[in-house]
Amino acid sequence: MAIAGRSTYYWGPGAGGTAIVTREDLSDMVTIITPWQTPFYNASPKTKATSTLHEWVTDTMDATSTAGAFEGDTFTSATLVQRVRRQNYTQIFRKDVEITNTMQEMDPVGVPNEYNWQIQKALKEIAKNIEARAFDIANSASAAGATNTARVFQSLEGFITANTADAGQNAATSTPITETAFNNALELIYTAGGNPETCYVSPGVKRDISAFAGPTGAANITTNVRNIDASAKKLVQAVDVYDSDYGLIQIVMSRWIPQTTSTTILTGRVWFIERSKVRFSILRPMRHYPIASVGDSTRGMVLTELTLEVLAGDSCGSVRRVQT
């Protein structure tokens, strides 16, 4: 654009025309906003699987008795409790990547190597797929798979069938979680022999639980006592550890737990997990597998095969039909 009375030209915002001689102002970075954190998968212990059908055995004790034995009584063999064999199928999680060799030689914005960038993305994508599968409600059962059907592992919903409490009084309707329902589930788990130390919740339910702690016990933040850090002059409203009658419970938020704001959708859950009893058994560790080139491209895949192993379902529990 010419300045009045001069032959000089300048290029900038509002100048109009096309800047032929100036470089574009393009930041040399790439930002990913898609969430990928997987707290349950990361924190769960890992063990080794040696077959696509992974099995383990659980045992229980006889019911407690207060009766005594007769002096000199004749020996009578007790009926022994049969152990139970549990099982789950391994599931393959895979992402395929193919980049043209032309693209590999170019200089993409913010990415030193396009192929490596896509592989790193695939690792995160698989991890969040595993986490989402573990919390799957709609299709919780395992499947052996077939020629054109993938194997899938059974999710927490299929294993944790006892020690469940409803968020509200009506089992046919979803309602916001209450402190009573929260502790009812903990009581059931403790009575059954479990000692959970972690509670996994969706983002909306995390806010509701943060409204628990107060003298009234009601989920109403306006009536609860809150701690104020005098030096920082800030109101502390989050609850990350709940001090229950059954021990300290760490509240962990995961984006992959089903959440609903509807009273008619019944898939909202709060999961109480005893970490030592829930783990992932890995048949093939997650890794990058290079694939031979066919044509003018670089190919590879990221793959893992694993299953969910719940050593004792009664050691865990849930609050069901949770609305946020």
Protein backbone atom coordinates (compact mmCIF):
# COMPACT_ATOMS: atom_id res chain seq x y z
CA MET A 1 0.00 0.00 0.00
CA ALA A 2 1.49 3.33 -1.03
CA ILE A 3 1.90 6.09 1.55
CA ALA A 4 0.54 9.38 0.26
CA GLY A 5 3.26 11.47 -1.39
CA ARG A 6 5.85 8.66 -1.21
CA SER A 7 6.89 5.73 -3.35
CA THR A 8 7.48 3.47 -0.32
CA TYR A 9 5.27 0.46 0.17
CA TYR A 10 4.53 -1.31 3.42
CA TRP A 11 2.72 -4.49 4.27
CA GLY A 12 0.86 -5.14 7.48
CA PRO A 13 -2.58 -5.54 9.04
CA GLY A 14 -5.09 -3.56 7.08
CA ALA A 15 -2.63 -2.77 4.32
CA GLY A 16 -4.56 -4.73 1.73
CA GLY A 17 -3.10 -6.60 -1.20
CA THR A 18 -0.77 -9.58 -0.95
CA ALA A 19 2.54 -9.53 0.91
CA ILE A 20 4.89 -10.90 -1.72
CA VAL A 21 8.20 -10.26 0.01
CA THR A 22 7.32 -10.83 3.68
CA ARG A 23 7.35 -14.19 5.45
CA GLU A 24 4.16 -15.61 6.94
CA ASP A 25 3.85 -15.30 10.72
CA LEU A 26 3.20 -18.97 11.53
CA SER A 27 4.07 -20.25 14.98
CA ASP A 28 6.34 -23.30 14.79
CA MET A 29 4.33 -25.47 17.16
CA VAL A 30 1.35 -27.81 17.18
CA THR A 31 -1.22 -27.80 19.97
CA ILE A 32 -3.39 -30.82 20.78
CA ILE A 33 -6.48 -30.06 22.84
CA THR A 34 -8.03 -33.53 22.66
CA PRO A 35 -7.89 -35.06 26.19
CA TRP A 36 -5.75 -38.16 26.56
CA GLN A 37 -5.04 -38.62 30.29
CA THR A 38 -5.71 -42.18 31.51
CA PRO A 39 -5.47 -42.29 35.33
CA PHE A 40 -7.03 -45.74 35.77
CA TYR A 41 -4.88 -47.46 33.15
CA ASN A 42 -1.72 -45.73 34.37
CA ALA A 43 -2.26 -46.53 38.05
CA SER A 44 -3.40 -50.14 37.65
CA PRO A 45 -0.78 -52.86 38.25
CA LYS A 46 0.41 -54.75 35.17
CA THR A 47 1.01 -58.48 34.90
CA LYS A 48 1.78 -61.01 32.15
CA ALA A 49 -0.79 -62.94 30.11
CA THR A 50 0.30 -66.00 28.14
CA SER A 51 -2.84 -66.77 26.14
CA THR A 52 -5.75 -64.97 24.52
CA LEU A 53 -7.96 -66.52 27.22
CA HIS A 54 -6.51 -65.34 30.51
CA GLU A 55 -7.70 -67.15 33.65
CA TRP A 56 -7.24 -66.88 37.39
CA VAL A 57 -8.71 -68.57 40.46
CA THR A 58 -10.55 -67.04 43.40
CA ASP A 59 -11.39 -68.58 46.77
CA THR A 60 -13.63 -67.65 49.70
CA MET A 61 -13.85 -68.57 53.36
CA ASP A 62 -16.79 -70.16 55.16
CA ALA A 63 -19.25 -67.88 56.88
CA THR A 64 -18.20 -66.77 60.36
CA SER A 65 -19.53 -68.94 63.18
CA THR A 66 -19.72 -68.34 66.90
CA ALA A 67 -20.50 -71.99 67.72
CA GLY A 68 -18.06 -74.11 69.72
CA ALA A 69 -17.00 -77.73 69.24
CA PHE A 70 -18.11 -80.56 71.53
CA GLU A 71 -15.49 -82.08 73.78
CA GLY A 72 -14.48 -85.47 72.44
CA ASP A 73 -16.73 -85.07 69.41
CA THR A 74 -16.35 -87.45 66.47
CA PHE A 75 -14.44 -86.15 63.49
CA THR A 76 -16.74 -84.93 60.73
CA SER A 77 -15.31 -83.62 57.50
CA ALA A 78 -16.60 -80.16 56.63
CA THR A 79 -17.91 -79.30 53.18
CA LEU A 80 -15.09 -77.42 51.52
CA VAL A 81 -15.74 -74.33 49.45
CA GLN A 82 -14.96 -74.84 45.78
CA ARG A 83 -12.61 -72.38 44.21
CA VAL A 84 -13.88 -70.47 41.18
CA ARG A 85 -12.02 -70.03 37.92
CA ARG A 86 -12.42 -66.56 36.42
CA GLN A 87 -11.46 -65.57 32.91
CA ASN A 88 -11.28 -62.75 30.42
CA TYR A 89 -10.27 -62.54 26.77
CA THR A 90 -7.44 -60.35 25.59
CA GLN A 91 -8.27 -57.48 23.28
CA ILE A 92 -6.08 -56.04 20.54
CA PHE A 93 -5.74 -52.27 20.41
CA ARG A 94 -4.09 -51.04 17.22
CA LYS A 95 -3.42 -47.88 15.23
CA ASP A 96 -1.96 -47.94 11.70
CA VAL A 97 0.18 -45.09 10.39
CA GLU A 98 1.30 -44.39 6.82
CA ILE A 99 3.16 -41.25 5.71
CA THR A 100 4.37 -40.53 2.18
CA ASN A 101 8.13 -40.26 1.82
CA THR A 102 7.64 -36.86 0.25
CA MET A 103 6.02 -35.67 3.48
CA GLN A 104 8.90 -37.16 5.46
CA GLU A 105 11.37 -34.97 3.59
CA MET A 106 9.36 -31.78 4.04
CA ASP A 107 9.38 -29.36 6.97
CA PRO A 108 5.92 -29.47 8.59
CA VAL A 109 5.03 -26.80 11.13
CA GLY A 110 6.02 -27.65 14.70
CA VAL A 111 6.88 -31.29 13.89
CA PRO A 112 10.47 -32.43 13.35
CA ASN A 113 9.36 -35.76 11.90
CA GLU A 114 5.80 -36.37 10.71
CA TYR A 115 5.94 -40.16 11.06
CA ASN A 116 7.27 -40.03 14.62
CA TRP A 117 4.64 -37.46 15.53
CA GLN A 118 1.84 -39.73 14.32
CA ILE A 119 3.29 -42.70 16.22
CA GLN A 120 3.38 -40.69 19.46
CA LYS A 121 -0.24 -39.68 18.90
CA ALA A 122 -1.19 -43.32 18.33
CA LEU A 123 0.33 -44.35 21.68
CA LYS A 124 -1.88 -41.85 23.51
CA GLU A 125 -4.95 -42.75 21.46
CA ILE A 126 -4.60 -46.44 22.30
CA ALA A 127 -4.16 -45.71 26.01
CA LYS A 128 -7.39 -43.71 26.16
CA ASN A 129 -9.19 -46.45 24.19
CA ILE A 130 -8.10 -48.98 26.82
CA GLU A 131 -9.33 -46.74 29.63
CA ALA A 132 -12.67 -46.16 27.90
CA ARG A 133 -13.11 -49.91 27.39
CA ALA A 134 -12.42 -50.62 31.08
CA PHE A 135 -15.27 -48.24 32.03
CA ASP A 136 -17.62 -49.36 29.24
CA ILE A 137 -21.20 -49.80 30.47
CA ALA A 138 -23.19 -50.44 27.30
CA ASN A 139 -21.12 -53.40 26.07
CA SER A 140 -19.44 -54.82 29.15
CA ALA A 141 -19.26 -58.53 28.29
CA SER A 142 -16.19 -60.29 26.91
CA ALA A 143 -16.21 -61.95 23.50
CA ALA A 144 -14.00 -64.69 22.08
CA GLY A 145 -14.03 -63.18 18.60
CA ALA A 146 -14.26 -64.89 15.23
CA THR A 147 -12.88 -64.54 11.71
CA ASN A 148 -14.47 -61.14 11.20
CA THR A 149 -15.14 -60.26 14.85
CA ALA A 150 -12.64 -58.79 17.28
CA ARG A 151 -12.02 -60.19 20.73
CA VAL A 152 -12.98 -57.81 23.55
CA PHE A 153 -12.27 -57.98 27.25
CA GLN A 154 -14.95 -57.76 29.91
CA SER A 155 -15.11 -54.33 31.52
CA LEU A 156 -15.47 -53.41 35.20
CA GLU A 157 -19.24 -53.42 34.80
CA GLY A 158 -19.19 -57.17 34.12
CA PHE A 159 -16.99 -58.04 37.09
CA ILE A 160 -18.24 -55.70 39.81
CA THR A 161 -21.83 -56.87 40.23
CA ALA A 162 -22.05 -56.91 44.03
CA ASN A 163 -21.52 -54.05 46.48
CA THR A 164 -23.54 -51.65 44.36
CA ALA A 165 -25.62 -48.79 45.71
CA ASP A 166 -28.09 -46.58 43.83
CA ALA A 167 -27.49 -42.85 43.79
CA GLY A 168 -31.13 -42.27 44.71
CA GLN A 169 -34.11 -44.13 46.11
CA ASN A 170 -35.57 -45.06 42.74
CA ALA A 171 -33.54 -47.70 40.88
CA ALA A 172 -35.26 -46.75 37.61
CA THR A 173 -34.09 -43.12 37.68
CA SER A 174 -30.68 -41.45 37.70
CA THR A 175 -30.14 -38.90 40.47
CA PRO A 176 -27.16 -36.88 41.74
CA ILE A 177 -24.91 -38.80 44.10
CA THR A 178 -25.37 -38.22 47.81
CA GLU A 179 -22.95 -38.71 50.64
CA THR A 180 -25.26 -41.41 51.98
CA ALA A 181 -25.09 -43.41 48.74
CA PHE A 182 -21.31 -42.95 48.67
CA ASN A 183 -20.94 -44.39 52.16
CA ASN A 184 -23.54 -47.11 51.56
CA ALA A 185 -21.34 -48.51 48.81
CA LEU A 186 -18.25 -48.32 51.02
CA GLU A 187 -20.09 -50.18 53.79
CA LEU A 188 -21.11 -52.96 51.39
CA ILE A 189 -17.54 -53.34 50.14
CA TYR A 190 -16.05 -53.37 53.64
CA THR A 191 -18.59 -55.96 54.83
CA ALA A 192 -17.72 -58.17 51.86
CA GLY A 193 -14.01 -57.98 52.74
CA GLY A 194 -12.79 -55.22 50.44
CA ASN A 195 -10.61 -52.25 51.30
CA PRO A 196 -10.81 -49.83 48.39
CA GLU A 197 -8.56 -46.80 48.50
CA THR A 198 -9.49 -45.17 45.19
CA CYS A 199 -12.75 -43.81 43.82
CA TYR A 200 -12.92 -43.09 40.07
CA VAL A 201 -15.49 -40.51 39.01
CA SER A 202 -16.52 -38.47 35.98
CA PRO A 203 -15.86 -34.69 35.92
CA GLY A 204 -19.42 -33.73 36.88
CA VAL A 205 -19.56 -36.20 39.76
CA LYS A 206 -16.22 -34.90 41.04
CA ARG A 207 -17.87 -31.52 41.60
CA ASP A 208 -20.78 -33.15 43.43
CA ILE A 209 -18.42 -35.05 45.73
CA SER A 210 -16.52 -31.84 46.46
CA ALA A 211 -19.80 -30.54 47.86
CA PHE A 212 -20.00 -33.36 50.43
CA ALA A 213 -17.69 -32.34 53.21
CA GLY A 214 -19.61 -30.42 55.83
CA PRO A 215 -21.33 -30.73 59.20
CA THR A 216 -24.72 -31.19 57.59
CA GLY A 217 -23.60 -34.07 55.36
CA ALA A 218 -25.73 -32.58 52.61
CA ALA A 219 -24.47 -32.05 49.08
CA ASN A 220 -24.95 -28.31 49.26
CA ILE A 221 -21.90 -26.11 49.10
CA THR A 222 -23.64 -23.15 50.72
CA THR A 223 -24.08 -25.02 54.01
CA ASN A 224 -20.71 -26.74 54.14
CA VAL A 225 -17.64 -25.64 56.07
CA ARG A 226 -14.71 -24.79 53.80
CA ASN A 227 -11.05 -24.19 54.57
CA ILE A 228 -9.53 -20.88 53.59
CA ASP A 229 -5.77 -20.63 53.15
CA ALA A 230 -5.13 -17.28 54.83
CA SER A 231 -1.76 -16.69 53.18
CA ALA A 232 -3.03 -17.42 49.68
CA LYS A 233 -6.48 -15.93 50.38
CA LYS A 234 -8.22 -18.63 48.44
CA LEU A 235 -11.27 -20.77 49.10
CA VAL A 236 -10.52 -24.50 48.96
CA GLN A 237 -13.56 -26.24 47.50
CA ALA A 238 -12.09 -29.42 46.01
CA VAL A 239 -12.22 -32.80 47.73
CA ASP A 240 -9.37 -35.04 46.51
CA VAL A 241 -9.31 -37.39 49.51
CA TYR A 242 -12.45 -38.40 51.39
CA ASP A 243 -11.88 -39.45 55.01
CA SER A 244 -14.55 -42.12 55.45
CA ASP A 245 -15.39 -44.50 58.29
CA TYR A 246 -13.78 -47.18 56.12
CA GLY A 247 -10.51 -45.42 55.43
CA LEU A 248 -9.12 -42.66 53.25
CA ILE A 249 -10.55 -42.71 49.73
CA GLN A 250 -8.66 -40.90 46.97
CA ILE A 251 -11.05 -39.27 44.49
CA VAL A 252 -9.66 -39.60 40.95
CA MET A 253 -11.32 -38.00 37.96
CA SER A 254 -11.40 -39.73 34.58
CA ARG A 255 -12.98 -38.30 31.44
CA TRP A 256 -13.79 -41.78 30.18
CA ILE A 257 -16.33 -42.73 32.86
CA PRO A 258 -19.88 -42.49 31.46
CA GLN A 259 -21.66 -39.35 32.65
CA THR A 260 -25.22 -38.17 32.14
CA THR A 261 -27.34 -35.15 32.98
CA SER A 262 -30.55 -37.02 32.21
CA THR A 263 -32.74 -38.80 34.76
CA THR A 264 -33.67 -41.45 32.19
CA ILE A 265 -30.15 -42.49 31.19
CA LEU A 266 -28.88 -44.99 33.75
CA THR A 267 -25.22 -45.40 32.77
CA GLY A 268 -23.63 -42.94 35.21
CA ARG A 269 -21.19 -44.68 37.59
CA VAL A 270 -18.87 -44.10 40.52
CA TRP A 271 -16.24 -46.84 40.90
CA PHE A 272 -14.54 -47.89 44.14
CA ILE A 273 -11.36 -49.81 43.36
CA GLU A 274 -8.91 -51.75 45.52
CA ARG A 275 -5.90 -51.36 43.26
CA SER A 276 -4.12 -54.55 44.28
CA LYS A 277 -7.16 -56.55 43.12
CA VAL A 278 -7.62 -54.92 39.71
CA ARG A 279 -4.90 -55.03 37.09
CA PHE A 280 -4.15 -55.37 33.40
CA SER A 281 -2.64 -58.61 32.09
CA ILE A 282 -0.57 -57.95 28.99
CA LEU A 283 -0.06 -60.52 26.26
CA ARG A 284 1.77 -58.14 23.92
CA PRO A 285 3.21 -54.90 25.33
CA MET A 286 2.40 -51.64 23.60
CA ARG A 287 5.05 -50.88 21.00
CA HIS A 288 5.69 -49.61 17.50
CA TYR A 289 5.97 -52.22 14.73
CA PRO A 290 7.56 -51.02 11.47
CA ILE A 291 5.84 -52.35 8.34
CA ALA A 292 7.67 -53.03 5.08
CA SER A 293 7.13 -50.28 2.53
CA VAL A 294 4.87 -50.88 -0.43
CA GLY A 295 5.39 -48.00 -2.80
CA ASP A 296 6.60 -44.56 -1.85
CA SER A 297 5.61 -44.36 1.83
CA THR A 298 6.70 -45.19 5.38
CA ARG A 299 4.35 -47.48 7.27
CA GLY A 300 3.98 -48.86 10.75
CA MET A 301 1.54 -49.59 13.52
CA VAL A 302 1.25 -49.23 17.26
CA LEU A 303 -0.27 -52.28 18.93
CA THR A 304 -0.90 -53.89 22.28
CA GLU A 305 -2.93 -56.89 23.40
CA LEU A 306 -4.15 -57.15 26.96
CA THR A 307 -7.08 -57.89 29.22
CA LEU A 308 -8.60 -56.68 32.48
CA GLU A 309 -8.04 -58.93 35.49
CA VAL A 310 -10.30 -58.42 38.52
CA LEU A 311 -8.93 -60.78 41.16
CA ALA A 312 -11.88 -60.27 43.49
CA GLY A 313 -14.96 -58.40 42.36
CA ASP A 314 -16.23 -58.16 45.93
CA SER A 315 -13.20 -56.08 46.88
CA CYS A 316 -14.61 -53.27 44.74
CA GLY A 317 -18.00 -51.67 44.25
CA SER A 318 -19.94 -48.88 42.62
CA VAL A 319 -22.68 -46.32 42.91
CA ARG A 320 -25.01 -46.67 39.96
CA ARG A 321 -27.49 -44.50 38.11
CA VAL A 322 -25.58 -41.33 38.90
CA GLN A 323 -26.77 -38.09 37.36
CA THR A 324 -24.68 -34.92 37.31
